[in-house]
Amino acid sequence: MIPNNNEQIEGISENGYERIEKFDGVRTRKLTELYGKVLKYLGEDPAREGLSDTPERVAKSIQFLTHGYQIDPAKMLCSAMFREDYQQMVLVKDIEIYSLCEHHMIPFIGKAHVAYIPNGYITGLSKIARVVDAFARRLQVQERLTVQIRDCIHNTLKPLGVAVVIEALHLCMAMRGVQKQNSVTTTSAFTGCFLKDYRTREEFIHLIGTKLH
């Protein structure tokens, strides 16, 4: 039974590790009702044993998969900005991406490579990955996601340049439609010296394709 309060907090214990998840109680209740109807329209019986809790589970799942709407990525970057006299490339690569295509609400998964050249300020390395996740956990298209990550870092840190490359497998292409299981989509977006200086851009491209560990 879903409580009537606006916030639903669950503690889930797995192998000694407790994971805390928060959900909007009202939103969960409404989504549960809707997903129950979806199961009926598909010809299923949402009351049968295997499906009795599915509408609520899906209601919570979709909230988690789109929780990026509740996050302000720029504010998150600002929370860990530090003055530093460093003007060389900072690269965080192979950041895992899990997002939902806004056209079919089917996942696309892949990796993001993000670099910037500081201009007086740096940010915590984990914040770069969190910015990627904040934008990815929304209904998205890969092209917009790439630009949003770039613009957030550029507008917040005011660096000398930002580079973002995303490589992703779109399950809407693999599972339905054209059904091409091995196709990968690559998008890129640059600002500043990455856009103007081909040597800087080539160094970035070389680094993201090189195994250094």
N, C-alpha and C. Protein backbone atom coordinates (compact mmCIF):
# COMPACT_ATOMS: atom_id res chain seq x y z
N MET A 1 0.85 -1.20 0.00
CA MET A 1 0.00 0.00 0.00
C MET A 1 0.88 1.24 0.00
N ILE A 2 0.58 2.20 -0.87
CA ILE A 2 1.36 3.42 -0.97
C ILE A 2 0.83 4.44 0.02
N PRO A 3 1.69 5.02 0.88
CA PRO A 3 1.22 6.00 1.87
C PRO A 3 0.71 7.26 1.22
N ASN A 4 -0.06 8.06 1.97
CA ASN A 4 -0.67 9.26 1.43
C ASN A 4 0.23 10.49 1.49
N ASN A 5 1.37 10.40 2.20
CA ASN A 5 2.26 11.56 2.28
C ASN A 5 2.96 11.78 0.94
N ASN A 6 3.55 12.96 0.78
CA ASN A 6 4.15 13.32 -0.49
C ASN A 6 5.49 12.66 -0.74
N GLU A 7 6.16 12.21 0.32
CA GLU A 7 7.47 11.59 0.14
C GLU A 7 7.44 10.17 0.65
N GLN A 8 7.94 9.27 -0.16
CA GLN A 8 7.99 7.86 0.19
C GLN A 8 9.44 7.45 0.28
N ILE A 9 9.88 6.98 1.44
CA ILE A 9 11.28 6.62 1.66
C ILE A 9 11.36 5.13 1.95
N GLU A 10 12.26 4.46 1.22
CA GLU A 10 12.42 3.03 1.40
C GLU A 10 13.87 2.71 1.72
N GLY A 11 14.07 1.83 2.70
CA GLY A 11 15.40 1.31 2.99
C GLY A 11 15.48 -0.12 2.49
N ILE A 12 16.39 -0.38 1.58
CA ILE A 12 16.51 -1.70 0.98
C ILE A 12 17.86 -2.29 1.37
N SER A 13 17.85 -3.40 2.06
CA SER A 13 19.08 -4.02 2.52
C SER A 13 19.49 -5.13 1.57
N GLU A 14 20.69 -5.03 1.04
CA GLU A 14 21.22 -6.02 0.11
C GLU A 14 22.64 -6.38 0.51
N ASN A 15 22.83 -7.61 1.01
CA ASN A 15 24.16 -8.08 1.39
C ASN A 15 24.86 -7.13 2.36
N GLY A 16 24.10 -6.64 3.34
CA GLY A 16 24.67 -5.76 4.34
C GLY A 16 24.75 -4.31 3.93
N TYR A 17 24.40 -4.00 2.69
CA TYR A 17 24.44 -2.62 2.20
C TYR A 17 23.02 -2.08 2.14
N GLU A 18 22.80 -0.95 2.79
CA GLU A 18 21.45 -0.38 2.81
C GLU A 18 21.36 0.76 1.79
N ARG A 19 20.42 0.64 0.88
CA ARG A 19 20.21 1.66 -0.14
C ARG A 19 18.92 2.41 0.18
N ILE A 20 18.99 3.71 0.25
CA ILE A 20 17.82 4.54 0.55
C ILE A 20 17.30 5.13 -0.75
N GLU A 21 16.02 4.91 -1.02
CA GLU A 21 15.40 5.47 -2.20
C GLU A 21 14.21 6.34 -1.79
N LYS A 22 14.07 7.49 -2.44
CA LYS A 22 12.98 8.41 -2.13
C LYS A 22 12.09 8.57 -3.37
N PHE A 23 10.79 8.57 -3.12
CA PHE A 23 9.82 8.73 -4.20
C PHE A 23 8.73 9.71 -3.77
N ASP A 24 8.17 10.38 -4.74
CA ASP A 24 7.03 11.24 -4.48
C ASP A 24 5.80 10.35 -4.33
N GLY A 25 5.18 10.40 -3.14
CA GLY A 25 4.07 9.50 -2.85
C GLY A 25 2.88 9.70 -3.78
N VAL A 26 2.51 10.97 -4.04
CA VAL A 26 1.37 11.25 -4.91
C VAL A 26 1.66 10.80 -6.33
N ARG A 27 2.85 11.14 -6.81
CA ARG A 27 3.21 10.75 -8.18
C ARG A 27 3.25 9.23 -8.32
N THR A 28 3.78 8.55 -7.32
CA THR A 28 3.85 7.09 -7.37
C THR A 28 2.46 6.49 -7.43
N ARG A 29 1.55 7.02 -6.65
CA ARG A 29 0.18 6.50 -6.62
C ARG A 29 -0.50 6.66 -7.98
N LYS A 30 -0.34 7.85 -8.59
CA LYS A 30 -0.98 8.10 -9.87
C LYS A 30 -0.36 7.25 -10.98
N LEU A 31 0.96 7.13 -10.96
CA LEU A 31 1.63 6.32 -11.97
C LEU A 31 1.26 4.84 -11.82
N THR A 32 1.12 4.39 -10.59
CA THR A 32 0.73 3.00 -10.35
C THR A 32 -0.63 2.70 -10.97
N GLU A 33 -1.56 3.62 -10.80
CA GLU A 33 -2.88 3.44 -11.40
C GLU A 33 -2.79 3.38 -12.92
N LEU A 34 -1.99 4.25 -13.50
CA LEU A 34 -1.85 4.30 -14.96
C LEU A 34 -1.21 3.03 -15.50
N TYR A 35 -0.15 2.56 -14.84
CA TYR A 35 0.52 1.36 -15.33
C TYR A 35 -0.36 0.12 -15.16
N GLY A 36 -1.23 0.13 -14.16
CA GLY A 36 -2.20 -0.96 -14.03
C GLY A 36 -3.13 -1.00 -15.24
N LYS A 37 -3.55 0.19 -15.70
CA LYS A 37 -4.40 0.27 -16.90
C LYS A 37 -3.64 -0.17 -18.14
N VAL A 38 -2.36 0.19 -18.22
CA VAL A 38 -1.55 -0.23 -19.37
C VAL A 38 -1.51 -1.75 -19.46
N LEU A 39 -1.32 -2.42 -18.33
CA LEU A 39 -1.29 -3.89 -18.33
C LEU A 39 -2.61 -4.46 -18.83
N LYS A 40 -3.72 -3.83 -18.43
CA LYS A 40 -5.03 -4.30 -18.90
C LYS A 40 -5.16 -4.12 -20.40
N TYR A 41 -4.73 -2.96 -20.91
CA TYR A 41 -4.82 -2.69 -22.35
C TYR A 41 -3.95 -3.64 -23.16
N LEU A 42 -2.89 -4.15 -22.53
CA LEU A 42 -2.02 -5.12 -23.21
C LEU A 42 -2.62 -6.53 -23.19
N GLY A 43 -3.74 -6.68 -22.49
CA GLY A 43 -4.38 -7.99 -22.43
C GLY A 43 -3.98 -8.81 -21.23
N GLU A 44 -3.28 -8.18 -20.27
CA GLU A 44 -2.84 -8.89 -19.08
C GLU A 44 -3.80 -8.68 -17.91
N ASP A 45 -3.60 -9.47 -16.87
CA ASP A 45 -4.38 -9.33 -15.65
C ASP A 45 -3.46 -8.78 -14.56
N PRO A 46 -3.54 -7.48 -14.25
CA PRO A 46 -2.63 -6.89 -13.26
C PRO A 46 -2.84 -7.42 -11.85
N ALA A 47 -3.88 -8.19 -11.65
CA ALA A 47 -4.14 -8.75 -10.31
C ALA A 47 -3.50 -10.12 -10.12
N ARG A 48 -3.01 -10.72 -11.20
CA ARG A 48 -2.42 -12.06 -11.03
C ARG A 48 -1.11 -11.98 -10.26
N GLU A 49 -0.68 -13.11 -9.69
CA GLU A 49 0.42 -13.13 -8.73
C GLU A 49 1.69 -12.46 -9.27
N GLY A 50 2.08 -12.79 -10.47
CA GLY A 50 3.33 -12.27 -11.01
C GLY A 50 3.31 -10.78 -11.32
N LEU A 51 2.10 -10.21 -11.47
CA LEU A 51 1.97 -8.81 -11.87
C LEU A 51 1.36 -7.91 -10.80
N SER A 52 0.99 -8.47 -9.68
CA SER A 52 0.23 -7.70 -8.69
C SER A 52 1.00 -6.47 -8.19
N ASP A 53 2.31 -6.58 -8.08
CA ASP A 53 3.10 -5.44 -7.60
C ASP A 53 3.83 -4.71 -8.73
N THR A 54 3.65 -5.18 -9.97
CA THR A 54 4.38 -4.60 -11.09
C THR A 54 4.05 -3.13 -11.34
N PRO A 55 2.79 -2.71 -11.34
CA PRO A 55 2.52 -1.29 -11.58
C PRO A 55 3.25 -0.35 -10.62
N GLU A 56 3.31 -0.72 -9.34
CA GLU A 56 4.02 0.14 -8.37
C GLU A 56 5.52 0.09 -8.61
N ARG A 57 6.04 -1.10 -8.93
CA ARG A 57 7.49 -1.19 -9.19
C ARG A 57 7.88 -0.35 -10.39
N VAL A 58 7.05 -0.40 -11.45
CA VAL A 58 7.34 0.39 -12.65
C VAL A 58 7.20 1.88 -12.35
N ALA A 59 6.23 2.24 -11.53
CA ALA A 59 6.04 3.64 -11.16
C ALA A 59 7.28 4.19 -10.46
N LYS A 60 7.87 3.39 -9.59
CA LYS A 60 9.10 3.80 -8.90
C LYS A 60 10.30 3.79 -9.84
N SER A 61 10.32 2.78 -10.71
CA SER A 61 11.43 2.66 -11.65
C SER A 61 11.51 3.85 -12.59
N ILE A 62 10.38 4.27 -13.14
CA ILE A 62 10.40 5.38 -14.11
C ILE A 62 10.79 6.68 -13.41
N GLN A 63 10.44 6.82 -12.14
CA GLN A 63 10.86 8.01 -11.40
C GLN A 63 12.37 8.02 -11.21
N PHE A 64 12.95 6.86 -10.94
CA PHE A 64 14.41 6.78 -10.79
C PHE A 64 15.11 7.05 -12.12
N LEU A 65 14.57 6.47 -13.18
CA LEU A 65 15.20 6.61 -14.50
C LEU A 65 15.13 8.03 -15.03
N THR A 66 14.24 8.85 -14.49
CA THR A 66 14.10 10.24 -14.94
C THR A 66 14.34 11.24 -13.81
N HIS A 67 15.10 10.83 -12.79
CA HIS A 67 15.28 11.72 -11.64
C HIS A 67 16.15 12.92 -11.97
N GLY A 68 16.74 12.97 -13.15
CA GLY A 68 17.54 14.12 -13.55
C GLY A 68 16.76 15.41 -13.60
N TYR A 69 15.44 15.31 -13.78
CA TYR A 69 14.61 16.51 -13.78
C TYR A 69 14.64 17.23 -12.43
N GLN A 70 14.96 16.51 -11.37
CA GLN A 70 14.97 17.08 -10.03
C GLN A 70 16.34 17.64 -9.65
N ILE A 71 17.31 17.59 -10.56
CA ILE A 71 18.68 18.01 -10.25
C ILE A 71 19.05 19.24 -11.07
N ASP A 72 19.73 20.17 -10.44
CA ASP A 72 20.28 21.35 -11.12
C ASP A 72 21.78 21.11 -11.33
N PRO A 73 22.19 20.71 -12.54
CA PRO A 73 23.60 20.36 -12.77
C PRO A 73 24.55 21.53 -12.53
N ALA A 74 24.14 22.74 -12.91
CA ALA A 74 25.01 23.90 -12.71
C ALA A 74 25.25 24.15 -11.22
N LYS A 75 24.19 24.04 -10.44
CA LYS A 75 24.32 24.23 -8.99
C LYS A 75 25.25 23.18 -8.40
N MET A 76 25.17 21.96 -8.94
CA MET A 76 26.02 20.88 -8.46
C MET A 76 27.49 21.18 -8.75
N LEU A 77 27.79 21.71 -9.94
CA LEU A 77 29.16 22.09 -10.28
C LEU A 77 29.66 23.20 -9.35
N CYS A 78 28.80 24.17 -9.10
CA CYS A 78 29.19 25.30 -8.25
C CYS A 78 29.50 24.87 -6.83
N SER A 79 28.92 23.76 -6.39
CA SER A 79 29.14 23.30 -5.02
C SER A 79 30.55 22.79 -4.81
N ALA A 80 31.30 22.57 -5.90
CA ALA A 80 32.67 22.05 -5.77
C ALA A 80 33.61 22.76 -6.74
N MET A 81 33.52 24.11 -6.76
CA MET A 81 34.43 24.91 -7.59
C MET A 81 35.58 25.43 -6.73
N PHE A 82 36.79 25.30 -7.26
CA PHE A 82 37.98 25.71 -6.52
C PHE A 82 38.89 26.52 -7.43
N ARG A 83 39.50 27.55 -6.86
CA ARG A 83 40.49 28.32 -7.60
C ARG A 83 41.74 27.47 -7.78
N GLU A 84 42.24 27.42 -9.02
CA GLU A 84 43.45 26.65 -9.28
C GLU A 84 44.12 27.20 -10.53
N ASP A 85 45.43 27.44 -10.44
CA ASP A 85 46.20 27.96 -11.57
C ASP A 85 46.67 26.78 -12.43
N TYR A 86 45.72 26.21 -13.18
CA TYR A 86 46.01 25.05 -14.03
C TYR A 86 45.28 25.25 -15.35
N GLN A 87 46.06 25.22 -16.46
CA GLN A 87 45.44 25.47 -17.76
C GLN A 87 45.78 24.37 -18.77
N GLN A 88 45.78 23.14 -18.28
CA GLN A 88 45.95 21.98 -19.15
C GLN A 88 44.65 21.18 -19.16
N MET A 89 44.58 20.23 -20.05
CA MET A 89 43.33 19.48 -20.22
C MET A 89 43.01 18.62 -19.01
N VAL A 90 41.75 18.67 -18.58
CA VAL A 90 41.21 17.76 -17.58
C VAL A 90 40.20 16.88 -18.30
N LEU A 91 40.44 15.59 -18.33
CA LEU A 91 39.60 14.65 -19.09
C LEU A 91 39.05 13.58 -18.18
N VAL A 92 37.74 13.42 -18.20
CA VAL A 92 37.08 12.30 -17.53
C VAL A 92 36.42 11.49 -18.64
N LYS A 93 36.90 10.29 -18.88
CA LYS A 93 36.37 9.52 -20.00
C LYS A 93 35.70 8.23 -19.53
N ASP A 94 34.99 7.61 -20.44
CA ASP A 94 34.29 6.35 -20.17
C ASP A 94 33.26 6.49 -19.05
N ILE A 95 32.57 7.63 -19.02
CA ILE A 95 31.49 7.82 -18.05
C ILE A 95 30.25 7.08 -18.57
N GLU A 96 29.77 6.13 -17.82
CA GLU A 96 28.64 5.32 -18.27
C GLU A 96 27.37 6.17 -18.39
N ILE A 97 26.63 5.92 -19.46
CA ILE A 97 25.37 6.63 -19.70
C ILE A 97 24.23 5.64 -19.81
N TYR A 98 23.16 5.92 -19.09
CA TYR A 98 21.92 5.17 -19.21
C TYR A 98 20.81 6.20 -19.34
N SER A 99 20.16 6.25 -20.50
CA SER A 99 19.14 7.24 -20.72
C SER A 99 17.96 6.62 -21.46
N LEU A 100 16.87 7.38 -21.56
CA LEU A 100 15.68 6.92 -22.26
C LEU A 100 15.44 7.80 -23.47
N CYS A 101 15.33 7.18 -24.64
CA CYS A 101 15.00 7.91 -25.85
C CYS A 101 13.60 8.50 -25.71
N GLU A 102 13.47 9.79 -25.99
CA GLU A 102 12.17 10.43 -25.80
C GLU A 102 11.15 10.04 -26.85
N HIS A 103 11.57 9.43 -27.93
CA HIS A 103 10.63 9.05 -28.99
C HIS A 103 9.87 7.77 -28.67
N HIS A 104 10.55 6.81 -28.03
CA HIS A 104 9.90 5.54 -27.73
C HIS A 104 10.02 5.14 -26.25
N MET A 105 10.75 5.96 -25.48
CA MET A 105 11.02 5.63 -24.07
C MET A 105 11.67 4.27 -23.94
N ILE A 106 12.58 3.99 -24.87
CA ILE A 106 13.41 2.78 -24.85
C ILE A 106 14.83 3.23 -24.54
N PRO A 107 15.59 2.46 -23.76
CA PRO A 107 16.92 2.93 -23.34
C PRO A 107 17.92 3.10 -24.48
N PHE A 108 18.83 4.05 -24.29
CA PHE A 108 20.09 4.03 -25.03
C PHE A 108 21.21 4.11 -24.01
N ILE A 109 22.25 3.33 -24.25
CA ILE A 109 23.33 3.17 -23.27
C ILE A 109 24.67 3.37 -23.96
N GLY A 110 25.62 3.88 -23.21
CA GLY A 110 26.93 4.10 -23.81
C GLY A 110 27.88 4.77 -22.86
N LYS A 111 28.80 5.57 -23.42
CA LYS A 111 29.82 6.24 -22.63
C LYS A 111 29.99 7.68 -23.10
N ALA A 112 30.30 8.54 -22.13
CA ALA A 112 30.60 9.94 -22.44
C ALA A 112 32.05 10.22 -22.09
N HIS A 113 32.69 11.04 -22.91
CA HIS A 113 34.05 11.50 -22.65
C HIS A 113 33.98 13.02 -22.57
N VAL A 114 34.39 13.57 -21.44
CA VAL A 114 34.24 15.01 -21.20
C VAL A 114 35.58 15.61 -20.78
N ALA A 115 35.95 16.70 -21.45
CA ALA A 115 37.20 17.39 -21.12
C ALA A 115 36.96 18.89 -21.05
N TYR A 116 37.77 19.56 -20.23
CA TYR A 116 37.74 21.02 -20.22
C TYR A 116 39.14 21.52 -19.87
N ILE A 117 39.42 22.74 -20.25
CA ILE A 117 40.69 23.38 -19.92
C ILE A 117 40.38 24.55 -18.99
N PRO A 118 40.78 24.44 -17.73
CA PRO A 118 40.39 25.44 -16.73
C PRO A 118 40.91 26.84 -17.05
N ASN A 119 40.18 27.80 -16.54
CA ASN A 119 40.57 29.20 -16.67
C ASN A 119 40.40 29.89 -15.33
N GLY A 120 41.14 29.37 -14.33
CA GLY A 120 41.06 29.93 -12.99
C GLY A 120 40.30 29.07 -12.00
N TYR A 121 39.41 28.21 -12.51
CA TYR A 121 38.61 27.36 -11.63
C TYR A 121 38.59 25.91 -12.13
N ILE A 122 38.63 25.00 -11.18
CA ILE A 122 38.41 23.58 -11.48
C ILE A 122 37.20 23.13 -10.66
N THR A 123 36.72 21.93 -10.96
CA THR A 123 35.63 21.35 -10.18
C THR A 123 35.98 19.93 -9.80
N GLY A 124 35.30 19.39 -8.80
CA GLY A 124 35.55 18.01 -8.40
C GLY A 124 35.30 17.06 -9.55
N LEU A 125 36.17 16.08 -9.72
CA LEU A 125 36.05 15.16 -10.86
C LEU A 125 34.72 14.42 -10.86
N SER A 126 34.24 14.06 -9.68
CA SER A 126 32.97 13.33 -9.62
C SER A 126 31.82 14.20 -10.10
N LYS A 127 31.96 15.53 -10.00
CA LYS A 127 30.89 16.42 -10.43
C LYS A 127 30.69 16.35 -11.94
N ILE A 128 31.77 16.11 -12.69
CA ILE A 128 31.64 15.97 -14.14
C ILE A 128 30.74 14.77 -14.46
N ALA A 129 31.02 13.65 -13.79
CA ALA A 129 30.19 12.46 -14.01
C ALA A 129 28.75 12.69 -13.56
N ARG A 130 28.57 13.45 -12.50
CA ARG A 130 27.22 13.72 -12.00
C ARG A 130 26.44 14.62 -12.95
N VAL A 131 27.13 15.56 -13.59
CA VAL A 131 26.48 16.40 -14.59
C VAL A 131 25.98 15.54 -15.75
N VAL A 132 26.83 14.63 -16.21
CA VAL A 132 26.43 13.71 -17.28
C VAL A 132 25.19 12.93 -16.87
N ASP A 133 25.20 12.40 -15.66
CA ASP A 133 24.09 11.58 -15.20
C ASP A 133 22.81 12.41 -15.03
N ALA A 134 22.96 13.65 -14.55
CA ALA A 134 21.78 14.50 -14.34
C ALA A 134 21.04 14.77 -15.63
N PHE A 135 21.77 14.98 -16.72
CA PHE A 135 21.12 15.21 -18.01
C PHE A 135 20.67 13.90 -18.66
N ALA A 136 21.42 12.82 -18.43
CA ALA A 136 21.07 11.53 -19.03
C ALA A 136 19.79 10.96 -18.43
N ARG A 137 19.57 11.23 -17.13
CA ARG A 137 18.39 10.68 -16.46
C ARG A 137 17.16 11.54 -16.72
N ARG A 138 16.93 11.81 -17.98
CA ARG A 138 15.74 12.52 -18.46
C ARG A 138 15.34 11.87 -19.78
N LEU A 139 14.17 12.20 -20.28
CA LEU A 139 13.83 11.76 -21.63
C LEU A 139 14.71 12.57 -22.57
N GLN A 140 15.45 11.88 -23.45
CA GLN A 140 16.52 12.55 -24.17
C GLN A 140 16.61 12.12 -25.63
N VAL A 141 17.36 12.91 -26.38
CA VAL A 141 17.97 12.49 -27.64
C VAL A 141 19.46 12.71 -27.45
N GLN A 142 20.26 11.90 -28.08
CA GLN A 142 21.70 11.95 -27.83
C GLN A 142 22.31 13.29 -28.22
N GLU A 143 21.80 13.86 -29.31
CA GLU A 143 22.34 15.14 -29.78
C GLU A 143 22.16 16.23 -28.72
N ARG A 144 20.96 16.32 -28.15
CA ARG A 144 20.69 17.33 -27.12
C ARG A 144 21.51 17.06 -25.87
N LEU A 145 21.59 15.81 -25.47
CA LEU A 145 22.35 15.44 -24.29
C LEU A 145 23.79 15.91 -24.40
N THR A 146 24.39 15.72 -25.55
CA THR A 146 25.79 16.12 -25.77
C THR A 146 25.95 17.62 -25.58
N VAL A 147 25.06 18.39 -26.16
CA VAL A 147 25.13 19.85 -26.09
C VAL A 147 24.83 20.35 -24.68
N GLN A 148 23.89 19.74 -23.99
CA GLN A 148 23.55 20.17 -22.64
C GLN A 148 24.72 20.01 -21.68
N ILE A 149 25.42 18.88 -21.79
CA ILE A 149 26.60 18.65 -20.95
C ILE A 149 27.66 19.71 -21.24
N ARG A 150 27.93 19.93 -22.51
CA ARG A 150 28.93 20.94 -22.92
C ARG A 150 28.57 22.32 -22.38
N ASP A 151 27.32 22.75 -22.61
CA ASP A 151 26.92 24.10 -22.24
C ASP A 151 26.92 24.31 -20.74
N CYS A 152 26.53 23.29 -19.99
CA CYS A 152 26.50 23.41 -18.53
C CYS A 152 27.91 23.66 -17.98
N ILE A 153 28.87 22.88 -18.45
CA ILE A 153 30.25 23.04 -17.99
C ILE A 153 30.83 24.36 -18.47
N HIS A 154 30.56 24.72 -19.71
CA HIS A 154 31.08 25.96 -20.27
C HIS A 154 30.52 27.19 -19.55
N ASN A 155 29.22 27.22 -19.32
CA ASN A 155 28.58 28.39 -18.73
C ASN A 155 28.86 28.52 -17.23
N THR A 156 29.14 27.39 -16.57
CA THR A 156 29.34 27.42 -15.12
C THR A 156 30.80 27.66 -14.74
N LEU A 157 31.71 26.92 -15.36
CA LEU A 157 33.13 27.04 -15.01
C LEU A 157 33.85 28.13 -15.79
N LYS A 158 33.26 28.57 -16.90
CA LYS A 158 33.89 29.56 -17.78
C LYS A 158 35.32 29.13 -18.16
N PRO A 159 35.50 27.91 -18.64
CA PRO A 159 36.85 27.43 -18.97
C PRO A 159 37.31 27.96 -20.32
N LEU A 160 38.54 27.62 -20.69
CA LEU A 160 39.06 28.01 -22.00
C LEU A 160 38.45 27.18 -23.12
N GLY A 161 37.89 26.04 -22.77
CA GLY A 161 37.23 25.20 -23.76
C GLY A 161 36.64 23.95 -23.14
N VAL A 162 35.63 23.40 -23.79
CA VAL A 162 34.98 22.16 -23.34
C VAL A 162 34.83 21.24 -24.54
N ALA A 163 35.03 19.95 -24.31
CA ALA A 163 34.84 18.93 -25.35
C ALA A 163 34.01 17.79 -24.79
N VAL A 164 33.01 17.36 -25.54
CA VAL A 164 32.16 16.25 -25.14
C VAL A 164 31.96 15.32 -26.34
N VAL A 165 32.21 14.04 -26.13
CA VAL A 165 31.91 13.02 -27.13
C VAL A 165 31.11 11.92 -26.45
N ILE A 166 30.00 11.51 -27.08
CA ILE A 166 29.18 10.42 -26.56
C ILE A 166 29.06 9.33 -27.62
N GLU A 167 29.27 8.10 -27.18
CA GLU A 167 29.07 6.92 -28.03
C GLU A 167 27.99 6.08 -27.39
N ALA A 168 26.95 5.74 -28.14
CA ALA A 168 25.83 5.03 -27.51
C ALA A 168 25.17 4.04 -28.46
N LEU A 169 24.65 2.98 -27.86
CA LEU A 169 23.83 1.99 -28.55
C LEU A 169 22.38 2.29 -28.22
N HIS A 170 21.57 2.47 -29.26
CA HIS A 170 20.15 2.81 -29.08
C HIS A 170 19.31 1.55 -29.25
N LEU A 171 18.66 1.14 -28.17
CA LEU A 171 17.86 -0.09 -28.24
C LEU A 171 16.62 0.08 -29.10
N CYS A 172 16.21 1.35 -29.37
CA CYS A 172 15.09 1.53 -30.29
C CYS A 172 15.49 1.13 -31.72
N MET A 173 16.79 1.16 -32.00
CA MET A 173 17.29 0.70 -33.29
C MET A 173 17.57 -0.80 -33.28
N ALA A 174 17.90 -1.33 -32.10
CA ALA A 174 18.27 -2.74 -32.00
C ALA A 174 17.07 -3.65 -31.79
N MET A 175 16.07 -3.19 -31.03
CA MET A 175 14.95 -4.04 -30.65
C MET A 175 13.74 -3.89 -31.55
N ARG A 176 13.60 -2.72 -32.19
CA ARG A 176 12.45 -2.47 -33.05
C ARG A 176 12.93 -1.65 -34.24
N GLY A 177 12.01 -1.23 -35.08
CA GLY A 177 12.39 -0.41 -36.22
C GLY A 177 13.36 -1.13 -37.15
N VAL A 178 14.53 -0.52 -37.37
CA VAL A 178 15.49 -1.06 -38.33
C VAL A 178 16.19 -2.31 -37.81
N GLN A 179 16.19 -2.55 -36.49
CA GLN A 179 16.73 -3.75 -35.86
C GLN A 179 18.18 -4.01 -36.25
N LYS A 180 19.02 -3.01 -36.06
CA LYS A 180 20.45 -3.14 -36.29
C LYS A 180 21.14 -3.19 -34.93
N GLN A 181 21.54 -4.41 -34.53
CA GLN A 181 21.99 -4.63 -33.16
C GLN A 181 23.38 -4.06 -32.86
N ASN A 182 24.21 -3.86 -33.86
CA ASN A 182 25.60 -3.50 -33.60
C ASN A 182 25.95 -2.07 -33.98
N SER A 183 24.96 -1.26 -34.32
CA SER A 183 25.25 0.12 -34.71
C SER A 183 25.46 0.98 -33.47
N VAL A 184 26.44 1.88 -33.56
CA VAL A 184 26.76 2.79 -32.47
C VAL A 184 26.69 4.22 -33.00
N THR A 185 26.05 5.09 -32.25
CA THR A 185 25.93 6.50 -32.65
C THR A 185 26.93 7.34 -31.86
N THR A 186 27.67 8.18 -32.56
CA THR A 186 28.65 9.06 -31.93
C THR A 186 28.27 10.52 -32.18
N THR A 187 28.26 11.31 -31.11
CA THR A 187 27.99 12.74 -31.23
C THR A 187 29.10 13.51 -30.51
N SER A 188 29.34 14.73 -30.94
CA SER A 188 30.38 15.54 -30.32
C SER A 188 29.94 17.00 -30.25
N ALA A 189 30.52 17.72 -29.29
CA ALA A 189 30.25 19.16 -29.14
C ALA A 189 31.47 19.80 -28.50
N PHE A 190 31.89 20.96 -29.02
CA PHE A 190 33.10 21.62 -28.55
C PHE A 190 32.86 23.10 -28.34
N THR A 191 33.65 23.70 -27.46
CA THR A 191 33.68 25.16 -27.32
C THR A 191 35.13 25.60 -27.19
N GLY A 192 35.35 26.90 -27.36
CA GLY A 192 36.65 27.51 -27.09
C GLY A 192 37.79 26.90 -27.87
N CYS A 193 38.88 26.61 -27.16
CA CYS A 193 40.09 26.14 -27.83
C CYS A 193 39.91 24.77 -28.48
N PHE A 194 38.97 23.96 -28.00
CA PHE A 194 38.71 22.69 -28.67
C PHE A 194 38.10 22.91 -30.04
N LEU A 195 37.40 24.02 -30.18
CA LEU A 195 36.75 24.35 -31.44
C LEU A 195 37.71 25.06 -32.38
N LYS A 196 38.59 25.90 -31.84
CA LYS A 196 39.44 26.75 -32.66
C LYS A 196 40.81 26.15 -32.94
N ASP A 197 41.33 25.35 -32.03
CA ASP A 197 42.69 24.81 -32.14
C ASP A 197 42.62 23.31 -32.46
N TYR A 198 42.95 22.94 -33.67
CA TYR A 198 42.81 21.54 -34.07
C TYR A 198 43.77 20.65 -33.30
N ARG A 199 44.92 21.19 -32.83
CA ARG A 199 45.87 20.38 -32.07
C ARG A 199 45.29 19.98 -30.71
N THR A 200 44.59 20.92 -30.09
CA THR A 200 43.94 20.61 -28.81
C THR A 200 42.85 19.57 -29.01
N ARG A 201 42.08 19.74 -30.08
CA ARG A 201 41.01 18.80 -30.37
C ARG A 201 41.59 17.42 -30.70
N GLU A 202 42.68 17.38 -31.45
CA GLU A 202 43.31 16.10 -31.80
C GLU A 202 43.87 15.40 -30.56
N GLU A 203 44.41 16.18 -29.61
CA GLU A 203 44.91 15.58 -28.37
C GLU A 203 43.76 14.92 -27.61
N PHE A 204 42.62 15.61 -27.56
CA PHE A 204 41.44 15.05 -26.89
C PHE A 204 40.99 13.76 -27.57
N ILE A 205 40.88 13.77 -28.88
CA ILE A 205 40.45 12.59 -29.63
C ILE A 205 41.44 11.44 -29.41
N HIS A 206 42.73 11.77 -29.41
CA HIS A 206 43.75 10.73 -29.18
C HIS A 206 43.63 10.13 -27.78
N LEU A 207 43.43 10.97 -26.79
CA LEU A 207 43.36 10.49 -25.41
C LEU A 207 42.15 9.61 -25.15
N ILE A 208 41.00 9.95 -25.73
CA ILE A 208 39.80 9.14 -25.46
C ILE A 208 39.89 7.79 -26.18
N GLY A 209 40.76 7.69 -27.18
CA GLY A 209 40.93 6.41 -27.86
C GLY A 209 42.11 5.61 -27.41
N THR A 210 42.81 6.11 -26.37
CA THR A 210 44.03 5.45 -25.88
C THR A 210 43.80 4.82 -24.54
N LYS A 211 44.28 3.59 -24.38
CA LYS A 211 44.23 2.90 -23.08
C LYS A 211 45.49 3.25 -22.32
N LEU A 212 45.36 4.01 -21.22
CA LEU A 212 46.51 4.41 -20.43
C LEU A 212 46.59 3.62 -19.11
N HIS A 213 45.69 2.68 -18.92
CA HIS A 213 45.68 1.91 -17.68
C HIS A 213 45.32 0.46 -17.96
